[in-house]
C-alpha atoms as a PDB file:
ATOM      1  CA  MET A   1      -0.149  -0.090   0.122  1.00  0.00           C
ATOM      2  CA  SER A   2       1.336   3.189  -0.773  1.00  0.00           C
ATOM      3  CA  ASP A   3       1.920   5.958   1.945  1.00  0.00           C
ATOM      4  CA  PHE A   4      -0.681   8.647   2.077  1.00  0.00           C
ATOM      5  CA  THR A   5      -1.025  11.767   4.302  1.00  0.00           C
ATOM      6  CA  ARG A   6      -3.923  12.008   6.368  1.00  0.00           C
ATOM      7  CA  GLU A   7      -5.289  14.790   4.142  1.00  0.00           C
ATOM      8  CA  GLU A   8      -5.082  12.332   1.063  1.00  0.00           C
ATOM      9  CA  LEU A   9      -6.426   9.110   3.053  1.00  0.00           C
ATOM     10  CA  LEU A  10      -9.705  10.978   4.378  1.00  0.00           C
ATOM     11  CA  SER A  11     -10.190  12.487   0.758  1.00  0.00           C
ATOM     12  CA  ILE A  12     -10.291   8.835  -0.629  1.00  0.00           C
ATOM     13  CA  VAL A  13     -11.661   6.687   2.003  1.00  0.00           C
ATOM     14  CA  HIS A  14     -15.115   7.099   1.135  1.00  0.00           C
ATOM     15  CA  LYS A  15     -14.149   4.450  -1.868  1.00  0.00           C
ATOM     16  CA  LEU A  16     -12.251   1.962   0.428  1.00  0.00           C
ATOM     17  CA  ASN A  17     -13.403  -1.887   0.488  1.00  0.00           C
ATOM     18  CA  GLY A  18     -11.275  -4.160   2.231  1.00  0.00           C
ATOM     19  CA  ALA A  19      -8.189  -1.803   2.445  1.00  0.00           C
ATOM     20  CA  ASP A  20      -5.437  -2.660   5.212  1.00  0.00           C
ATOM     21  CA  LEU A  21      -5.526   0.848   7.334  1.00  0.00           C
ATOM     22  CA  ARG A  22      -3.736  -0.297  10.294  1.00  0.00           C
ATOM     23  CA  GLY A  23      -1.161   2.356  11.642  1.00  0.00           C
ATOM     24  CA  ILE A  24      -3.245   5.319  10.083  1.00  0.00           C
ATOM     25  CA  ASP A  25      -4.120   8.197  12.297  1.00  0.00           C
ATOM     26  CA  LEU A  26      -7.749   8.423  12.024  1.00  0.00           C
ATOM     27  CA  VAL A  27      -8.226  10.498  15.528  1.00  0.00           C
ATOM     28  CA  ASP A  28     -11.053  12.748  15.095  1.00  0.00           C
ATOM     29  CA  ALA A  29     -11.277  11.872  11.411  1.00  0.00           C
ATOM     30  CA  ASN A  30     -14.795  12.724   9.419  1.00  0.00           C
ATOM     31  CA  LEU A  31     -15.399   9.114   8.198  1.00  0.00           C
ATOM     32  CA  ARG A  32     -19.426  10.209   7.977  1.00  0.00           C
ATOM     33  CA  GLY A  33     -20.812   8.004   5.300  1.00  0.00           C
ATOM     34  CA  ALA A  34     -17.565   6.434   4.310  1.00  0.00           C
ATOM     35  CA  ASN A  35     -17.350   2.673   3.013  1.00  0.00           C
ATOM     36  CA  LEU A  36     -15.280   0.712   5.186  1.00  0.00           C
ATOM     37  CA  LEU A  37     -16.456  -2.921   4.125  1.00  0.00           C
ATOM     38  CA  ALA A  38     -14.254  -5.124   5.468  1.00  0.00           C
ATOM     39  CA  VAL A  39     -11.402  -2.619   6.208  1.00  0.00           C
ATOM     40  CA  ASN A  40      -8.765  -3.402   8.582  1.00  0.00           C
ATOM     41  CA  LEU A  41      -8.342  -0.533  11.517  1.00  0.00           C
ATOM     42  CA  SER A  42      -7.118  -3.349  13.919  1.00  0.00           C
ATOM     43  CA  GLY A  43      -5.235  -1.331  16.626  1.00  0.00           C
ATOM     44  CA  ASN A  44      -5.989   2.050  15.158  1.00  0.00           C
ATOM     45  CA  LYS A  45      -7.293   5.282  17.420  1.00  0.00           C
ATOM     46  CA  LEU A  46     -10.493   6.109  16.072  1.00  0.00           C
ATOM     47  CA  ASN A  47     -11.325   7.875  19.277  1.00  0.00           C
ATOM     48  CA  GLY A  48     -13.132  11.289  18.244  1.00  0.00           C
ATOM     49  CA  ALA A  49     -14.039   9.973  14.596  1.00  0.00           C
ATOM     50  CA  ASN A  50     -17.168  10.857  13.296  1.00  0.00           C
ATOM     51  CA  LEU A  51     -18.694   7.252  11.927  1.00  0.00           C
ATOM     52  CA  VAL A  52     -22.146   8.734  11.385  1.00  0.00           C
ATOM     53  CA  SER A  53     -23.577   6.615   8.463  1.00  0.00           C
ATOM     54  CA  ALA A  54     -20.282   4.761   8.116  1.00  0.00           C
ATOM     55  CA  ASN A  55     -20.446   1.305   6.471  1.00  0.00           C
ATOM     56  CA  LEU A  56     -18.306  -0.962   8.996  1.00  0.00           C
ATOM     57  CA  SER A  57     -19.595  -4.107   8.419  1.00  0.00           C
ATOM     58  CA  GLU A  58     -16.860  -7.098   8.493  1.00  0.00           C
ATOM     59  CA  ALA A  59     -14.402  -4.483   9.392  1.00  0.00           C
ATOM     60  CA  ASP A  60     -11.532  -5.310  11.810  1.00  0.00           C
ATOM     61  CA  LEU A  61     -11.941  -3.265  14.766  1.00  0.00           C
ATOM     62  CA  SER A  62      -9.987  -5.350  17.025  1.00  0.00           C
ATOM     63  CA  ASN A  63      -7.769  -3.541  19.343  1.00  0.00           C
ATOM     64  CA  THR A  64      -9.357  -0.145  18.313  1.00  0.00           C
ATOM     65  CA  ASP A  65      -9.642   2.778  20.289  1.00  0.00           C
ATOM     66  CA  LEU A  66     -13.479   3.952  20.046  1.00  0.00           C
ATOM     67  CA  ARG A  67     -13.902   5.734  23.031  1.00  0.00           C
ATOM     68  CA  GLY A  68     -16.647   8.282  22.917  1.00  0.00           C
ATOM     69  CA  SER A  69     -17.387   7.535  19.250  1.00  0.00           C
ATOM     70  CA  LYS A  70     -20.990   7.738  18.094  1.00  0.00           C
ATOM     71  CA  PRO A  71     -21.665   5.397  15.169  1.00  0.00           C
ATOM     72  CA  VAL A  72     -25.047   6.779  14.804  1.00  0.00           C
ATOM     73  CA  GLY A  73     -26.561   4.743  11.795  1.00  0.00           C
ATOM     74  CA  ALA A  74     -23.085   2.977  11.245  1.00  0.00           C
ATOM     75  CA  ASP A  75     -23.514  -0.438   9.819  1.00  0.00           C
ATOM     76  CA  MET A  76     -21.316  -2.572  12.381  1.00  0.00           C
ATOM     77  CA  SER A  77     -22.756  -5.916  11.636  1.00  0.00           C
ATOM     78  CA  GLU A  78     -20.367  -8.652  11.704  1.00  0.00           C
ATOM     79  CA  ALA A  79     -17.509  -6.516  12.687  1.00  0.00           C
ATOM     80  CA  ASN A  80     -14.620  -7.833  14.523  1.00  0.00           C
ATOM     81  CA  LEU A  81     -14.630  -5.841  18.071  1.00  0.00           C
ATOM     82  CA  THR A  82     -12.472  -8.096  20.032  1.00  0.00           C
ATOM     83  CA  SER A  83     -10.468  -6.383  22.804  1.00  0.00           C
ATOM     84  CA  ALA A  84     -11.897  -2.652  21.391  1.00  0.00           C
ATOM     85  CA  ASP A  85     -12.185   0.168  23.659  1.00  0.00           C
ATOM     86  CA  LEU A  86     -15.584   1.028  23.920  1.00  0.00           C
ATOM     87  CA  SER A  87     -15.703   3.688  26.807  1.00  0.00           C
ATOM     88  CA  GLY A  88     -18.313   6.094  26.494  1.00  0.00           C
ATOM     89  CA  ALA A  89     -19.311   4.939  22.961  1.00  0.00           C
ATOM     90  CA  ASP A  90     -22.786   5.700  22.252  1.00  0.00           C
ATOM     91  CA  LEU A  91     -23.866   2.390  20.179  1.00  0.00           C
ATOM     92  CA  ARG A  92     -27.708   2.727  20.876  1.00  0.00           C
ATOM     93  CA  TRP A  93     -28.196   3.707  16.997  1.00  0.00           C
ATOM     94  CA  ALA A  94     -25.448   1.607  15.602  1.00  0.00           C
ATOM     95  CA  HIS A  95     -27.012  -0.800  12.976  1.00  0.00           C
ATOM     96  CA  LEU A  96     -26.206  -4.181  14.658  1.00  0.00           C
ATOM     97  CA  THR A  97     -28.686  -7.100  13.214  1.00  0.00           C
ATOM     98  CA  GLU A  98     -30.380  -8.990  15.996  1.00  0.00           C
ATOM     99  CA  ALA A  99     -28.668 -12.081  14.849  1.00  0.00           C
ATOM    100  CA  CYS A 100     -25.346 -10.093  15.187  1.00  0.00           C
ATOM    101  CA  LEU A 101     -26.499  -8.692  18.452  1.00  0.00           C
ATOM    102  CA  ILE A 102     -27.454 -12.460  20.001  1.00  0.00           C
ATOM    103  CA  ASP A 103     -24.160 -14.243  18.539  1.00  0.00           C
ATOM    104  CA  ALA A 104     -21.964 -10.800  18.942  1.00  0.00           C
ATOM    105  CA  ASN A 105     -18.344 -11.864  20.046  1.00  0.00           C
ATOM    106  CA  LEU A 106     -17.137  -8.957  21.911  1.00  0.00           C
ATOM    107  CA  THR A 107     -14.750 -10.827  24.232  1.00  0.00           C
ATOM    108  CA  GLY A 108     -12.198  -8.518  25.767  1.00  0.00           C
ATOM    109  CA  VAL A 109     -14.046  -5.315  24.605  1.00  0.00           C
ATOM    110  CA  GLN A 110     -14.090  -2.584  27.561  1.00  0.00           C
ATOM    111  CA  TYR A 111     -16.601  -0.476  28.344  1.00  0.00           C
ATOM    112  CA  ASN A 112     -17.596   1.913  31.044  1.00  0.00           C
ATOM    113  CA  ALA A 113     -20.705   3.191  32.640  1.00  0.00           C
ATOM    114  CA  ASP A 114     -20.961   5.874  30.261  1.00  0.00           C
ATOM    115  CA  THR A 115     -21.149   3.415  27.312  1.00  0.00           C
ATOM    116  CA  LYS A 116     -24.242   3.110  25.838  1.00  0.00           C
ATOM    117  CA  TRP A 117     -25.954  -0.148  24.238  1.00  0.00           C
ATOM    118  CA  PRO A 118     -28.885  -0.784  22.240  1.00  0.00           C
ATOM    119  CA  GLU A 119     -32.070  -1.621  24.377  1.00  0.00           C
ATOM    120  CA  GLY A 120     -32.056  -5.296  25.874  1.00  0.00           C
ATOM    121  CA  PHE A 121     -28.478  -5.795  24.752  1.00  0.00           C
ATOM    122  CA  ASP A 122     -26.291  -7.411  27.958  1.00  0.00           C
ATOM    123  CA  PRO A 123     -22.573  -6.544  26.773  1.00  0.00           C
ATOM    124  CA  GLN A 124     -21.018  -8.953  29.810  1.00  0.00           C
ATOM    125  CA  SER A 125     -23.177 -12.078  28.366  1.00  0.00           C
ATOM    126  CA  ALA A 126     -21.544 -10.957  24.807  1.00  0.00           C
ATOM    127  CA  GLY A 127     -17.831 -11.160  26.578  1.00  0.00           C
ATOM    128  CA  ALA A 128     -17.528  -7.419  27.022  1.00  0.00           C
ATOM    129  CA  VAL A 129     -15.776  -6.480  30.495  1.00  0.00           C
ATOM    130  CA  LEU A 130     -17.182  -3.590  32.522  1.00  0.00           C
ATOM    131  CA  VAL A 131     -14.042  -0.813  33.419  1.00  0.00           C
ATOM    132  CA  ASP A 132     -13.919   2.062  36.020  1.00  0.00           C
ATOM    133  CA  GLY A 133     -13.875   5.310  34.246  1.00  0.00           C
END
């Protein structure tokens, strides 16, 4: 993959599918409406990123910092969230299919009392870990 500046990446990110974006600084990035189907974002920092209506289905978000994110209308179905940090994230309006919620594997995902989940969803039974702060 070529080396892109942050600005160049953000200008083309709406067209990416299956790209390996590990190690790219996306803190506070505007990813509104981005098509990130099956993109590898593992280990990235996405805290403060605008994920409104982004397509993150099948994306690898393992070990990703999503603190305080608000993926309103984002499609996160079948995304790998293993060991991600969702502290303070608002997931109430993220599109997580009912089947995905029932079968969600959130092993090692961190969340805190400020994290908001869809109504009726039990994060601990899906493997998430409640942390202080």
